[in-house]
Amino acid sequence: MKLSIGIMLLLMAPAVLWAEEESPQFSAEEIAFFKEKVEPILRQKCYRCHSTEKQQKGDLSLNRRKEILVGGYVGPAAVPGKPEKSYLLKTVVATTYSNVPQMPPRGGRLGEREVEVLRE
């Protein structure tokens, strides 16, 4: 069953409003950690499908902090300070029996250290 564009926009509106209203401020240290540790993982493992340079799967781009906080069709990809609510983290640790897709679907799973970096 296909959803009309209007219905999809209505469903996505709360996530967009939440991200703009509650957008957290990040310290210089947090920004540096993201750029030095997190971004290389995303670039290597996720940008193939979730980059502004390509057709984004799940309407999710992981290029910018705002895009990660807004997320895609399922809502925010990450919730700062709440790794247990991070959909991105749930997908990279998903097993065959999980109710979320395993990511990345190709190119190898993330290693333990990479998952820990995302969890931080």
PDB file of N, CA and C in Angstrom:
ATOM      1  N   MET A   1       0.848  -1.174   0.000  1.00  0.00           N
ATOM      2  CA  MET A   1       0.000   0.000   0.000  1.00  0.00           C
ATOM      3  C   MET A   1       0.892   1.236   0.000  1.00  0.00           C
ATOM      4  N   LYS A   2       0.658   2.137  -0.934  1.00  0.00           N
ATOM      5  CA  LYS A   2       1.473   3.339  -1.042  1.00  0.00           C
ATOM      6  C   LYS A   2       0.845   4.466  -0.227  1.00  0.00           C
ATOM      7  N   LEU A   3       1.696   5.199   0.477  1.00  0.00           N
ATOM      8  CA  LEU A   3       1.236   6.370   1.216  1.00  0.00           C
ATOM      9  C   LEU A   3       1.344   7.591   0.332  1.00  0.00           C
ATOM     10  N   SER A   4       0.383   8.466   0.411  1.00  0.00           N
ATOM     11  CA  SER A   4       0.476   9.702  -0.352  1.00  0.00           C
ATOM     12  C   SER A   4       1.573  10.565   0.249  1.00  0.00           C
ATOM     13  N   ILE A   5       2.094  11.468  -0.552  1.00  0.00           N
ATOM     14  CA  ILE A   5       3.155  12.355  -0.076  1.00  0.00           C
ATOM     15  C   ILE A   5       2.660  13.183   1.099  1.00  0.00           C
ATOM     16  N   GLY A   6       1.413  13.623   1.052  1.00  0.00           N
ATOM     17  CA  GLY A   6       0.853  14.408   2.158  1.00  0.00           C
ATOM     18  C   GLY A   6       0.857  13.648   3.467  1.00  0.00           C
ATOM     19  N   ILE A   7       0.463  12.381   3.423  1.00  0.00           N
ATOM     20  CA  ILE A   7       0.443  11.571   4.650  1.00  0.00           C
ATOM     21  C   ILE A   7       1.861  11.362   5.159  1.00  0.00           C
ATOM     22  N   MET A   8       2.807  11.096   4.238  1.00  0.00           N
ATOM     23  CA  MET A   8       4.193  10.906   4.672  1.00  0.00           C
ATOM     24  C   MET A   8       4.733  12.167   5.326  1.00  0.00           C
ATOM     25  N   LEU A   9       4.415  13.339   4.773  1.00  0.00           N
ATOM     26  CA  LEU A   9       4.876  14.591   5.374  1.00  0.00           C
ATOM     27  C   LEU A   9       4.276  14.784   6.756  1.00  0.00           C
ATOM     28  N   LEU A  10       3.009  14.442   6.918  1.00  0.00           N
ATOM     29  CA  LEU A  10       2.382  14.549   8.234  1.00  0.00           C
ATOM     30  C   LEU A  10       3.041  13.623   9.242  1.00  0.00           C
ATOM     31  N   LEU A  11       3.382  12.420   8.803  1.00  0.00           N
ATOM     32  CA  LEU A  11       4.026  11.463   9.701  1.00  0.00           C
ATOM     33  C   LEU A  11       5.427  11.908  10.083  1.00  0.00           C
ATOM     34  N   MET A  12       6.117  12.578   9.163  1.00  0.00           N
ATOM     35  CA  MET A  12       7.489  13.003   9.422  1.00  0.00           C
ATOM     36  C   MET A  12       7.548  14.327  10.181  1.00  0.00           C
ATOM     37  N   ALA A  13       6.497  15.121  10.159  1.00  0.00           N
ATOM     38  CA  ALA A  13       6.502  16.449  10.772  1.00  0.00           C
ATOM     39  C   ALA A  13       6.917  16.448  12.236  1.00  0.00           C
ATOM     40  N   PRO A  14       6.397  15.534  13.081  1.00  0.00           N
ATOM     41  CA  PRO A  14       6.819  15.572  14.486  1.00  0.00           C
ATOM     42  C   PRO A  14       8.320  15.408  14.666  1.00  0.00           C
ATOM     43  N   ALA A  15       8.955  14.557  13.868  1.00  0.00           N
ATOM     44  CA  ALA A  15      10.401  14.373  13.987  1.00  0.00           C
ATOM     45  C   ALA A  15      11.149  15.637  13.596  1.00  0.00           C
ATOM     46  N   VAL A  16      10.697  16.298  12.546  1.00  0.00           N
ATOM     47  CA  VAL A  16      11.354  17.535  12.104  1.00  0.00           C
ATOM     48  C   VAL A  16      11.175  18.619  13.155  1.00  0.00           C
ATOM     49  N   LEU A  17       9.971  18.775  13.660  1.00  0.00           N
ATOM     50  CA  LEU A  17       9.721  19.787  14.688  1.00  0.00           C
ATOM     51  C   LEU A  17      10.526  19.495  15.945  1.00  0.00           C
ATOM     52  N   TRP A  18      10.584  18.224  16.356  1.00  0.00           N
ATOM     53  CA  TRP A  18      11.329  17.858  17.551  1.00  0.00           C
ATOM     54  C   TRP A  18      12.795  18.233  17.386  1.00  0.00           C
ATOM     55  N   ALA A  19      13.365  17.914  16.245  1.00  0.00           N
ATOM     56  CA  ALA A  19      14.793  18.171  16.038  1.00  0.00           C
ATOM     57  C   ALA A  19      15.102  19.658  16.073  1.00  0.00           C
ATOM     58  N   GLU A  20      14.209  20.486  15.543  1.00  0.00           N
ATOM     59  CA  GLU A  20      14.478  21.919  15.540  1.00  0.00           C
ATOM     60  C   GLU A  20      14.230  22.540  16.905  1.00  0.00           C
ATOM     61  N   GLU A  21      13.213  22.065  17.629  1.00  0.00           N
ATOM     62  CA  GLU A  21      12.890  22.634  18.929  1.00  0.00           C
ATOM     63  C   GLU A  21      13.869  22.184  20.005  1.00  0.00           C
ATOM     64  N   GLU A  22      14.305  20.948  19.939  1.00  0.00           N
ATOM     65  CA  GLU A  22      15.095  20.369  21.007  1.00  0.00           C
ATOM     66  C   GLU A  22      16.543  20.099  20.590  1.00  0.00           C
ATOM     67  N   SER A  23      16.988  20.732  19.537  1.00  0.00           N
ATOM     68  CA  SER A  23      18.327  20.492  19.044  1.00  0.00           C
ATOM     69  C   SER A  23      19.353  20.852  20.117  1.00  0.00           C
ATOM     70  N   PRO A  24      20.084  19.858  20.605  1.00  0.00           N
ATOM     71  CA  PRO A  24      21.042  20.120  21.673  1.00  0.00           C
ATOM     72  C   PRO A  24      22.270  20.879  21.179  1.00  0.00           C
ATOM     73  N   GLN A  25      22.882  21.578  22.081  1.00  0.00           N
ATOM     74  CA  GLN A  25      24.137  22.262  21.786  1.00  0.00           C
ATOM     75  C   GLN A  25      25.272  21.289  22.105  1.00  0.00           C
ATOM     76  N   PHE A  26      26.273  21.276  21.261  1.00  0.00           N
ATOM     77  CA  PHE A  26      27.398  20.377  21.464  1.00  0.00           C
ATOM     78  C   PHE A  26      28.652  21.178  21.743  1.00  0.00           C
ATOM     79  N   SER A  27      29.468  20.655  22.642  1.00  0.00           N
ATOM     80  CA  SER A  27      30.726  21.314  22.981  1.00  0.00           C
ATOM     81  C   SER A  27      31.740  21.086  21.859  1.00  0.00           C
ATOM     82  N   ALA A  28      32.805  21.860  21.889  1.00  0.00           N
ATOM     83  CA  ALA A  28      33.879  21.705  20.908  1.00  0.00           C
ATOM     84  C   ALA A  28      34.471  20.301  20.995  1.00  0.00           C
ATOM     85  N   GLU A  29      34.560  19.763  22.209  1.00  0.00           N
ATOM     86  CA  GLU A  29      35.090  18.414  22.409  1.00  0.00           C
ATOM     87  C   GLU A  29      34.173  17.361  21.769  1.00  0.00           C
ATOM     88  N   GLU A  30      32.866  17.521  21.930  1.00  0.00           N
ATOM     89  CA  GLU A  30      31.914  16.578  21.344  1.00  0.00           C
ATOM     90  C   GLU A  30      31.943  16.644  19.814  1.00  0.00           C
ATOM     91  N   ILE A  31      32.069  17.830  19.277  1.00  0.00           N
ATOM     92  CA  ILE A  31      32.135  17.995  17.824  1.00  0.00           C
ATOM     93  C   ILE A  31      33.413  17.357  17.288  1.00  0.00           C
ATOM     94  N   ALA A  32      34.519  17.563  17.989  1.00  0.00           N
ATOM     95  CA  ALA A  32      35.792  16.967  17.569  1.00  0.00           C
ATOM     96  C   ALA A  32      35.708  15.440  17.618  1.00  0.00           C
ATOM     97  N   PHE A  33      35.089  14.880  18.671  1.00  0.00           N
ATOM     98  CA  PHE A  33      34.931  13.431  18.789  1.00  0.00           C
ATOM     99  C   PHE A  33      34.131  12.900  17.603  1.00  0.00           C
ATOM    100  N   PHE A  34      33.048  13.588  17.273  1.00  0.00           N
ATOM    101  CA  PHE A  34      32.225  13.162  16.139  1.00  0.00           C
ATOM    102  C   PHE A  34      33.036  13.164  14.852  1.00  0.00           C
ATOM    103  N   LYS A  35      33.735  14.261  14.592  1.00  0.00           N
ATOM    104  CA  LYS A  35      34.486  14.377  13.339  1.00  0.00           C
ATOM    105  C   LYS A  35      35.647  13.384  13.253  1.00  0.00           C
ATOM    106  N   GLU A  36      36.323  13.141  14.385  1.00  0.00           N
ATOM    107  CA  GLU A  36      37.503  12.277  14.381  1.00  0.00           C
ATOM    108  C   GLU A  36      37.172  10.791  14.514  1.00  0.00           C
ATOM    109  N   LYS A  37      36.129  10.462  15.251  1.00  0.00           N
ATOM    110  CA  LYS A  37      35.839   9.053  15.543  1.00  0.00           C
ATOM    111  C   LYS A  37      34.586   8.521  14.846  1.00  0.00           C
ATOM    112  N   VAL A  38      33.484   9.261  14.927  1.00  0.00           N
ATOM    113  CA  VAL A  38      32.201   8.764  14.420  1.00  0.00           C
ATOM    114  C   VAL A  38      32.091   8.912  12.909  1.00  0.00           C
ATOM    115  N   GLU A  39      32.403  10.093  12.407  1.00  0.00           N
ATOM    116  CA  GLU A  39      32.243  10.354  10.975  1.00  0.00           C
ATOM    117  C   GLU A  39      33.009   9.366  10.086  1.00  0.00           C
ATOM    118  N   PRO A  40      34.249   8.987  10.429  1.00  0.00           N
ATOM    119  CA  PRO A  40      34.943   8.000   9.589  1.00  0.00           C
ATOM    120  C   PRO A  40      34.207   6.649   9.527  1.00  0.00           C
ATOM    121  N   ILE A  41      33.585   6.243  10.618  1.00  0.00           N
ATOM    122  CA  ILE A  41      32.813   4.988  10.618  1.00  0.00           C
ATOM    123  C   ILE A  41      31.608   5.129   9.696  1.00  0.00           C
ATOM    124  N   LEU A  42      30.887   6.232   9.837  1.00  0.00           N
ATOM    125  CA  LEU A  42      29.711   6.455   8.999  1.00  0.00           C
ATOM    126  C   LEU A  42      30.099   6.522   7.530  1.00  0.00           C
ATOM    127  N   ARG A  43      31.191   7.214   7.244  1.00  0.00           N
ATOM    128  CA  ARG A  43      31.649   7.349   5.856  1.00  0.00           C
ATOM    129  C   ARG A  43      31.978   5.981   5.267  1.00  0.00           C
ATOM    130  N   GLN A  44      32.676   5.161   6.025  1.00  0.00           N
ATOM    131  CA  GLN A  44      33.107   3.855   5.526  1.00  0.00           C
ATOM    132  C   GLN A  44      31.957   2.857   5.447  1.00  0.00           C
ATOM    133  N   LYS A  45      31.067   2.851   6.436  1.00  0.00           N
ATOM    134  CA  LYS A  45      30.057   1.801   6.527  1.00  0.00           C
ATOM    135  C   LYS A  45      28.645   2.207   6.112  1.00  0.00           C
ATOM    136  N   CYS A  46      28.343   3.507   6.109  1.00  0.00           N
ATOM    137  CA  CYS A  46      26.941   3.920   5.943  1.00  0.00           C
ATOM    138  C   CYS A  46      26.660   4.823   4.745  1.00  0.00           C
ATOM    139  N   TYR A  47      27.644   5.608   4.342  1.00  0.00           N
ATOM    140  CA  TYR A  47      27.388   6.608   3.298  1.00  0.00           C
ATOM    141  C   TYR A  47      26.991   6.001   1.961  1.00  0.00           C
ATOM    142  N   ARG A  48      27.322   4.758   1.729  1.00  0.00           N
ATOM    143  CA  ARG A  48      26.949   4.118   0.470  1.00  0.00           C
ATOM    144  C   ARG A  48      25.438   4.230   0.241  1.00  0.00           C
ATOM    145  N   CYS A  49      24.662   4.137   1.303  1.00  0.00           N
ATOM    146  CA  CYS A  49      23.194   4.197   1.192  1.00  0.00           C
ATOM    147  C   CYS A  49      22.581   5.414   1.884  1.00  0.00           C
ATOM    148  N   HIS A  50      23.308   6.042   2.799  1.00  0.00           N
ATOM    149  CA  HIS A  50      22.728   7.123   3.609  1.00  0.00           C
ATOM    150  C   HIS A  50      23.572   8.388   3.563  1.00  0.00           C
ATOM    151  N   SER A  51      23.723   8.929   2.359  1.00  0.00           N
ATOM    152  CA  SER A  51      24.505  10.140   2.156  1.00  0.00           C
ATOM    153  C   SER A  51      23.723  11.104   1.278  1.00  0.00           C
ATOM    154  N   THR A  52      23.953  12.391   1.455  1.00  0.00           N
ATOM    155  CA  THR A  52      23.274  13.372   0.603  1.00  0.00           C
ATOM    156  C   THR A  52      23.778  13.287  -0.834  1.00  0.00           C
ATOM    157  N   GLU A  53      24.878  12.604  -1.051  1.00  0.00           N
ATOM    158  CA  GLU A  53      25.438  12.474  -2.390  1.00  0.00           C
ATOM    159  C   GLU A  53      24.765  11.373  -3.200  1.00  0.00           C
ATOM    160  N   LYS A  54      23.931  10.569  -2.557  1.00  0.00           N
ATOM    161  CA  LYS A  54      23.272   9.451  -3.234  1.00  0.00           C
ATOM    162  C   LYS A  54      21.791   9.462  -2.903  1.00  0.00           C
ATOM    163  N   GLN A  55      21.040   8.607  -3.595  1.00  0.00           N
ATOM    164  CA  GLN A  55      19.638   8.406  -3.253  1.00  0.00           C
ATOM    165  C   GLN A  55      19.617   7.764  -1.864  1.00  0.00           C
ATOM    166  N   GLN A  56      19.008   8.427  -0.915  1.00  0.00           N
ATOM    167  CA  GLN A  56      19.048   7.956   0.467  1.00  0.00           C
ATOM    168  C   GLN A  56      18.009   6.875   0.713  1.00  0.00           C
ATOM    169  N   LYS A  57      18.448   5.776   1.261  1.00  0.00           N
ATOM    170  CA  LYS A  57      17.518   4.713   1.619  1.00  0.00           C
ATOM    171  C   LYS A  57      16.863   5.078   2.944  1.00  0.00           C
ATOM    172  N   GLY A  58      15.584   4.817   3.047  1.00  0.00           N
ATOM    173  CA  GLY A  58      14.851   5.143   4.269  1.00  0.00           C
ATOM    174  C   GLY A  58      14.751   6.632   4.523  1.00  0.00           C
ATOM    175  N   ASP A  59      15.012   7.441   3.503  1.00  0.00           N
ATOM    176  CA  ASP A  59      15.009   8.899   3.620  1.00  0.00           C
ATOM    177  C   ASP A  59      15.953   9.370   4.726  1.00  0.00           C
ATOM    178  N   LEU A  60      17.057   8.641   4.907  1.00  0.00           N
ATOM    179  CA  LEU A  60      18.005   8.945   5.975  1.00  0.00           C
ATOM    180  C   LEU A  60      19.362   9.326   5.412  1.00  0.00           C
ATOM    181  N   SER A  61      19.817  10.509   5.784  1.00  0.00           N
ATOM    182  CA  SER A  61      21.165  10.949   5.463  1.00  0.00           C
ATOM    183  C   SER A  61      21.929  11.079   6.779  1.00  0.00           C
ATOM    184  N   LEU A  62      23.167  10.618   6.762  1.00  0.00           N
ATOM    185  CA  LEU A  62      23.999  10.674   7.967  1.00  0.00           C
ATOM    186  C   LEU A  62      25.159  11.653   7.805  1.00  0.00           C
ATOM    187  N   ASN A  63      25.044  12.581   6.862  1.00  0.00           N
ATOM    188  CA  ASN A  63      26.131  13.525   6.602  1.00  0.00           C
ATOM    189  C   ASN A  63      26.278  14.615   7.653  1.00  0.00           C
ATOM    190  N   ARG A  64      25.182  15.073   8.202  1.00  0.00           N
ATOM    191  CA  ARG A  64      25.226  16.197   9.144  1.00  0.00           C
ATOM    192  C   ARG A  64      24.496  15.862  10.439  1.00  0.00           C
ATOM    193  N   ARG A  65      24.905  16.522  11.500  1.00  0.00           N
ATOM    194  CA  ARG A  65      24.286  16.303  12.814  1.00  0.00           C
ATOM    195  C   ARG A  65      22.774  16.496  12.744  1.00  0.00           C
ATOM    196  N   LYS A  66      22.320  17.574  12.108  1.00  0.00           N
ATOM    197  CA  LYS A  66      20.885  17.842  12.024  1.00  0.00           C
ATOM    198  C   LYS A  66      20.152  16.701  11.322  1.00  0.00           C
ATOM    199  N   GLU A  67      20.742  16.170  10.252  1.00  0.00           N
ATOM    200  CA  GLU A  67      20.122  15.066   9.519  1.00  0.00           C
ATOM    201  C   GLU A  67      20.039  13.807  10.373  1.00  0.00           C
ATOM    202  N   ILE A  68      21.042  13.574  11.190  1.00  0.00           N
ATOM    203  CA  ILE A  68      21.037  12.404  12.079  1.00  0.00           C
ATOM    204  C   ILE A  68      19.962  12.564  13.143  1.00  0.00           C
ATOM    205  N   LEU A  69      19.834  13.774  13.683  1.00  0.00           N
ATOM    206  CA  LEU A  69      18.833  14.019  14.730  1.00  0.00           C
ATOM    207  C   LEU A  69      17.412  13.984  14.187  1.00  0.00           C
ATOM    208  N   VAL A  70      17.209  14.458  12.962  1.00  0.00           N
ATOM    209  CA  VAL A  70      15.883  14.386  12.339  1.00  0.00           C
ATOM    210  C   VAL A  70      15.598  12.947  11.937  1.00  0.00           C
ATOM    211  N   GLY A  71      16.584  12.290  11.337  1.00  0.00           N
ATOM    212  CA  GLY A  71      16.437  10.899  10.947  1.00  0.00           C
ATOM    213  C   GLY A  71      15.712  10.717   9.633  1.00  0.00           C
ATOM    214  N   GLY A  72      15.099   9.554   9.485  1.00  0.00           N
ATOM    215  CA  GLY A  72      14.401   9.209   8.248  1.00  0.00           C
ATOM    216  C   GLY A  72      12.973   8.816   8.534  1.00  0.00           C
ATOM    217  N   TYR A  73      12.493   7.836   7.800  1.00  0.00           N
ATOM    218  CA  TYR A  73      11.107   7.400   7.931  1.00  0.00           C
ATOM    219  C   TYR A  73      10.749   6.913   9.328  1.00  0.00           C
ATOM    220  N   VAL A  74      11.702   6.338  10.038  1.00  0.00           N
ATOM    221  CA  VAL A  74      11.394   5.788  11.372  1.00  0.00           C
ATOM    222  C   VAL A  74      11.673   6.770  12.506  1.00  0.00           C
ATOM    223  N   GLY A  75      12.120   7.969  12.181  1.00  0.00           N
ATOM    224  CA  GLY A  75      12.398   8.964  13.205  1.00  0.00           C
ATOM    225  C   GLY A  75      13.881   9.205  13.362  1.00  0.00           C
ATOM    226  N   PRO A  76      14.274   9.820  14.480  1.00  0.00           N
ATOM    227  CA  PRO A  76      15.683  10.170  14.689  1.00  0.00           C
ATOM    228  C   PRO A  76      16.602   8.953  14.622  1.00  0.00           C
ATOM    229  N   ALA A  77      17.749   9.124  13.973  1.00  0.00           N
ATOM    230  CA  ALA A  77      18.730   8.040  13.910  1.00  0.00           C
ATOM    231  C   ALA A  77      19.492   7.932  15.225  1.00  0.00           C
ATOM    232  N   ALA A  78      19.612   9.048  15.941  1.00  0.00           N
ATOM    233  CA  ALA A  78      20.315   9.061  17.223  1.00  0.00           C
ATOM    234  C   ALA A  78      19.667  10.076  18.146  1.00  0.00           C
ATOM    235  N   VAL A  79      19.737   9.782  19.434  1.00  0.00           N
ATOM    236  CA  VAL A  79      19.235  10.688  20.463  1.00  0.00           C
ATOM    237  C   VAL A  79      20.417  10.982  21.382  1.00  0.00           C
ATOM    238  N   PRO A  80      20.936  12.211  21.358  1.00  0.00           N
ATOM    239  CA  PRO A  80      22.121  12.545  22.154  1.00  0.00           C
ATOM    240  C   PRO A  80      21.952  12.191  23.632  1.00  0.00           C
ATOM    241  N   GLY A  81      22.955  11.492  24.153  1.00  0.00           N
ATOM    242  CA  GLY A  81      22.950  11.119  25.567  1.00  0.00           C
ATOM    243  C   GLY A  81      22.064   9.939  25.898  1.00  0.00           C
ATOM    244  N   LYS A  82      21.390   9.365  24.898  1.00  0.00           N
ATOM    245  CA  LYS A  82      20.491   8.228  25.140  1.00  0.00           C
ATOM    246  C   LYS A  82      20.740   7.141  24.092  1.00  0.00           C
ATOM    247  N   PRO A  83      21.875   6.452  24.196  1.00  0.00           N
ATOM    248  CA  PRO A  83      22.201   5.448  23.182  1.00  0.00           C
ATOM    249  C   PRO A  83      21.151   4.340  23.073  1.00  0.00           C
ATOM    250  N   GLU A  84      20.442   4.053  24.156  1.00  0.00           N
ATOM    251  CA  GLU A  84      19.415   3.011  24.119  1.00  0.00           C
ATOM    252  C   GLU A  84      18.242   3.388  23.215  1.00  0.00           C
ATOM    253  N   LYS A  85      18.099   4.676  22.894  1.00  0.00           N
ATOM    254  CA  LYS A  85      17.031   5.135  22.003  1.00  0.00           C
ATOM    255  C   LYS A  85      17.523   5.378  20.582  1.00  0.00           C
ATOM    256  N   SER A  86      18.782   5.101  20.329  1.00  0.00           N
ATOM    257  CA  SER A  86      19.380   5.344  19.023  1.00  0.00           C
ATOM    258  C   SER A  86      18.992   4.237  18.044  1.00  0.00           C
ATOM    259  N   TYR A  87      18.209   4.590  17.032  1.00  0.00           N
ATOM    260  CA  TYR A  87      17.816   3.611  16.019  1.00  0.00           C
ATOM    261  C   TYR A  87      19.056   3.152  15.246  1.00  0.00           C
ATOM    262  N   LEU A  88      19.976   4.067  14.998  1.00  0.00           N
ATOM    263  CA  LEU A  88      21.210   3.716  14.305  1.00  0.00           C
ATOM    264  C   LEU A  88      21.960   2.626  15.071  1.00  0.00           C
ATOM    265  N   LEU A  89      22.108   2.801  16.365  1.00  0.00           N
ATOM    266  CA  LEU A  89      22.806   1.810  17.185  1.00  0.00           C
ATOM    267  C   LEU A  89      22.054   0.482  17.191  1.00  0.00           C
ATOM    268  N   LYS A  90      20.735   0.544  17.281  1.00  0.00           N
ATOM    269  CA  LYS A  90      19.931  -0.692  17.265  1.00  0.00           C
ATOM    270  C   LYS A  90      20.170  -1.478  15.983  1.00  0.00           C
ATOM    271  N   THR A  91      20.302  -0.785  14.853  1.00  0.00           N
ATOM    272  CA  THR A  91      20.482  -1.493  13.582  1.00  0.00           C
ATOM    273  C   THR A  91      21.874  -2.091  13.433  1.00  0.00           C
ATOM    274  N   VAL A  92      22.894  -1.436  13.965  1.00  0.00           N
ATOM    275  CA  VAL A  92      24.246  -1.974  13.801  1.00  0.00           C
ATOM    276  C   VAL A  92      24.534  -3.131  14.745  1.00  0.00           C
ATOM    277  N   VAL A  93      23.735  -3.287  15.804  1.00  0.00           N
ATOM    278  CA  VAL A  93      23.906  -4.437  16.704  1.00  0.00           C
ATOM    279  C   VAL A  93      22.813  -5.481  16.508  1.00  0.00           C
ATOM    280  N   ALA A  94      21.916  -5.243  15.554  1.00  0.00           N
ATOM    281  CA  ALA A  94      20.794  -6.154  15.310  1.00  0.00           C
ATOM    282  C   ALA A  94      21.284  -7.539  14.918  1.00  0.00           C
ATOM    283  N   THR A  95      20.516  -8.537  15.318  1.00  0.00           N
ATOM    284  CA  THR A  95      20.785  -9.918  14.927  1.00  0.00           C
ATOM    285  C   THR A  95      19.721 -10.346  13.916  1.00  0.00           C
ATOM    286  N   THR A  96      19.869 -11.525  13.409  1.00  0.00           N
ATOM    287  CA  THR A  96      18.909 -12.054  12.445  1.00  0.00           C
ATOM    288  C   THR A  96      17.494 -12.044  13.012  1.00  0.00           C
ATOM    289  N   TYR A  97      17.367 -12.214  14.308  1.00  0.00           N
ATOM    290  CA  TYR A  97      16.055 -12.322  14.947  1.00  0.00           C
ATOM    291  C   TYR A  97      15.533 -10.995  15.501  1.00  0.00           C
ATOM    292  N   SER A  98      16.219  -9.903  15.241  1.00  0.00           N
ATOM    293  CA  SER A  98      15.791  -8.590  15.731  1.00  0.00           C
ATOM    294  C   SER A  98      14.609  -8.087  14.908  1.00  0.00           C
ATOM    295  N   ASN A  99      13.871  -7.155  15.492  1.00  0.00           N
ATOM    296  CA  ASN A  99      12.758  -6.562  14.760  1.00  0.00           C
ATOM    297  C   ASN A  99      13.172  -5.289  14.017  1.00  0.00           C
ATOM    298  N   VAL A 100      14.458  -5.047  13.907  1.00  0.00           N
ATOM    299  CA  VAL A 100      14.999  -3.939  13.121  1.00  0.00           C
ATOM    300  C   VAL A 100      15.977  -4.526  12.104  1.00  0.00           C
ATOM    301  N   PRO A 101      16.175  -3.841  10.985  1.00  0.00           N
ATOM    302  CA  PRO A 101      17.105  -4.373   9.978  1.00  0.00           C
ATOM    303  C   PRO A 101      18.554  -4.339  10.458  1.00  0.00           C
ATOM    304  N   GLN A 102      19.330  -5.299   9.980  1.00  0.00           N
ATOM    305  CA  GLN A 102      20.757  -5.322  10.283  1.00  0.00           C
ATOM    306  C   GLN A 102      21.469  -4.363   9.339  1.00  0.00           C
ATOM    307  N   MET A 103      22.290  -3.505   9.901  1.00  0.00           N
ATOM    308  CA  MET A 103      23.044  -2.546   9.101  1.00  0.00           C
ATOM    309  C   MET A 103      24.518  -2.654   9.436  1.00  0.00           C
ATOM    310  N   PRO A 104      25.381  -2.453   8.486  1.00  0.00           N
ATOM    311  CA  PRO A 104      25.084  -2.302   7.074  1.00  0.00           C
ATOM    312  C   PRO A 104      24.718  -3.647   6.459  1.00  0.00           C
ATOM    313  N   PRO A 105      23.876  -3.635   5.423  1.00  0.00           N
ATOM    314  CA  PRO A 105      23.459  -4.894   4.824  1.00  0.00           C
ATOM    315  C   PRO A 105      24.567  -5.549   3.995  1.00  0.00           C
ATOM    316  N   ARG A 106      25.529  -4.727   3.523  1.00  0.00           N
ATOM    317  CA  ARG A 106      26.664  -5.247   2.739  1.00  0.00           C
ATOM    318  C   ARG A 106      27.948  -4.609   3.280  1.00  0.00           C
ATOM    319  N   GLY A 107      29.051  -5.240   2.987  1.00  0.00           N
ATOM    320  CA  GLY A 107      30.333  -4.641   3.312  1.00  0.00           C
ATOM    321  C   GLY A 107      30.838  -4.954   4.706  1.00  0.00           C
ATOM    322  N   GLY A 108      30.213  -5.878   5.398  1.00  0.00           N
ATOM    323  CA  GLY A 108      30.704  -6.291   6.704  1.00  0.00           C
ATOM    324  C   GLY A 108      30.094  -5.526   7.858  1.00  0.00           C
ATOM    325  N   ARG A 109      29.900  -6.221   8.931  1.00  0.00           N
ATOM    326  CA  ARG A 109      29.331  -5.650  10.143  1.00  0.00           C
ATOM    327  C   ARG A 109      30.369  -4.761  10.832  1.00  0.00           C
ATOM    328  N   LEU A 110      29.908  -3.915  11.722  1.00  0.00           N
ATOM    329  CA  LEU A 110      30.814  -3.079  12.501  1.00  0.00           C
ATOM    330  C   LEU A 110      31.495  -3.927  13.566  1.00  0.00           C
ATOM    331  N   GLY A 111      32.744  -3.591  13.845  1.00  0.00           N
ATOM    332  CA  GLY A 111      33.470  -4.267  14.895  1.00  0.00           C
ATOM    333  C   GLY A 111      33.043  -3.751  16.265  1.00  0.00           C
ATOM    334  N   GLU A 112      33.457  -4.445  17.304  1.00  0.00           N
ATOM    335  CA  GLU A 112      33.080  -4.059  18.673  1.00  0.00           C
ATOM    336  C   GLU A 112      33.512  -2.629  18.999  1.00  0.00           C
ATOM    337  N   ARG A 113      34.716  -2.260  18.612  1.00  0.00           N
ATOM    338  CA  ARG A 113      35.211  -0.906  18.908  1.00  0.00           C
ATOM    339  C   ARG A 113      34.394   0.151  18.165  1.00  0.00           C
ATOM    340  N   GLU A 114      34.023  -0.131  16.919  1.00  0.00           N
ATOM    341  CA  GLU A 114      33.207   0.809  16.163  1.00  0.00           C
ATOM    342  C   GLU A 114      31.834   1.000  16.820  1.00  0.00           C
ATOM    343  N   VAL A 115      31.254  -0.081  17.288  1.00  0.00           N
ATOM    344  CA  VAL A 115      29.955   0.000  17.979  1.00  0.00           C
ATOM    345  C   VAL A 115      30.106   0.806  19.271  1.00  0.00           C
ATOM    346  N   GLU A 116      31.194   0.606  19.986  1.00  0.00           N
ATOM    347  CA  GLU A 116      31.429   1.368  21.220  1.00  0.00           C
ATOM    348  C   GLU A 116      31.578   2.861  20.934  1.00  0.00           C
ATOM    349  N   VAL A 117      32.244   3.198  19.850  1.00  0.00           N
ATOM    350  CA  VAL A 117      32.380   4.606  19.478  1.00  0.00           C
ATOM    351  C   VAL A 117      30.992   5.202  19.224  1.00  0.00           C
ATOM    352  N   LEU A 118      30.146   4.498  18.500  1.00  0.00           N
ATOM    353  CA  LEU A 118      28.784   4.990  18.253  1.00  0.00           C
ATOM    354  C   LEU A 118      27.981   5.101  19.556  1.00  0.00           C
ATOM    355  N   ARG A 119      28.232   4.187  20.463  1.00  0.00           N
ATOM    356  CA  ARG A 119      27.511   4.191  21.745  1.00  0.00           C
ATOM    357  C   ARG A 119      27.922   5.389  22.599  1.00  0.00           C
ATOM    358  N   GLU A 120      29.179   5.823  22.460  1.00  0.00           N
ATOM    359  CA  GLU A 120      29.667   6.974  23.235  1.00  0.00           C
ATOM    360  C   GLU A 120      28.975   8.225  22.763  1.00  0.00           C
TER     361      GLU A 120
END
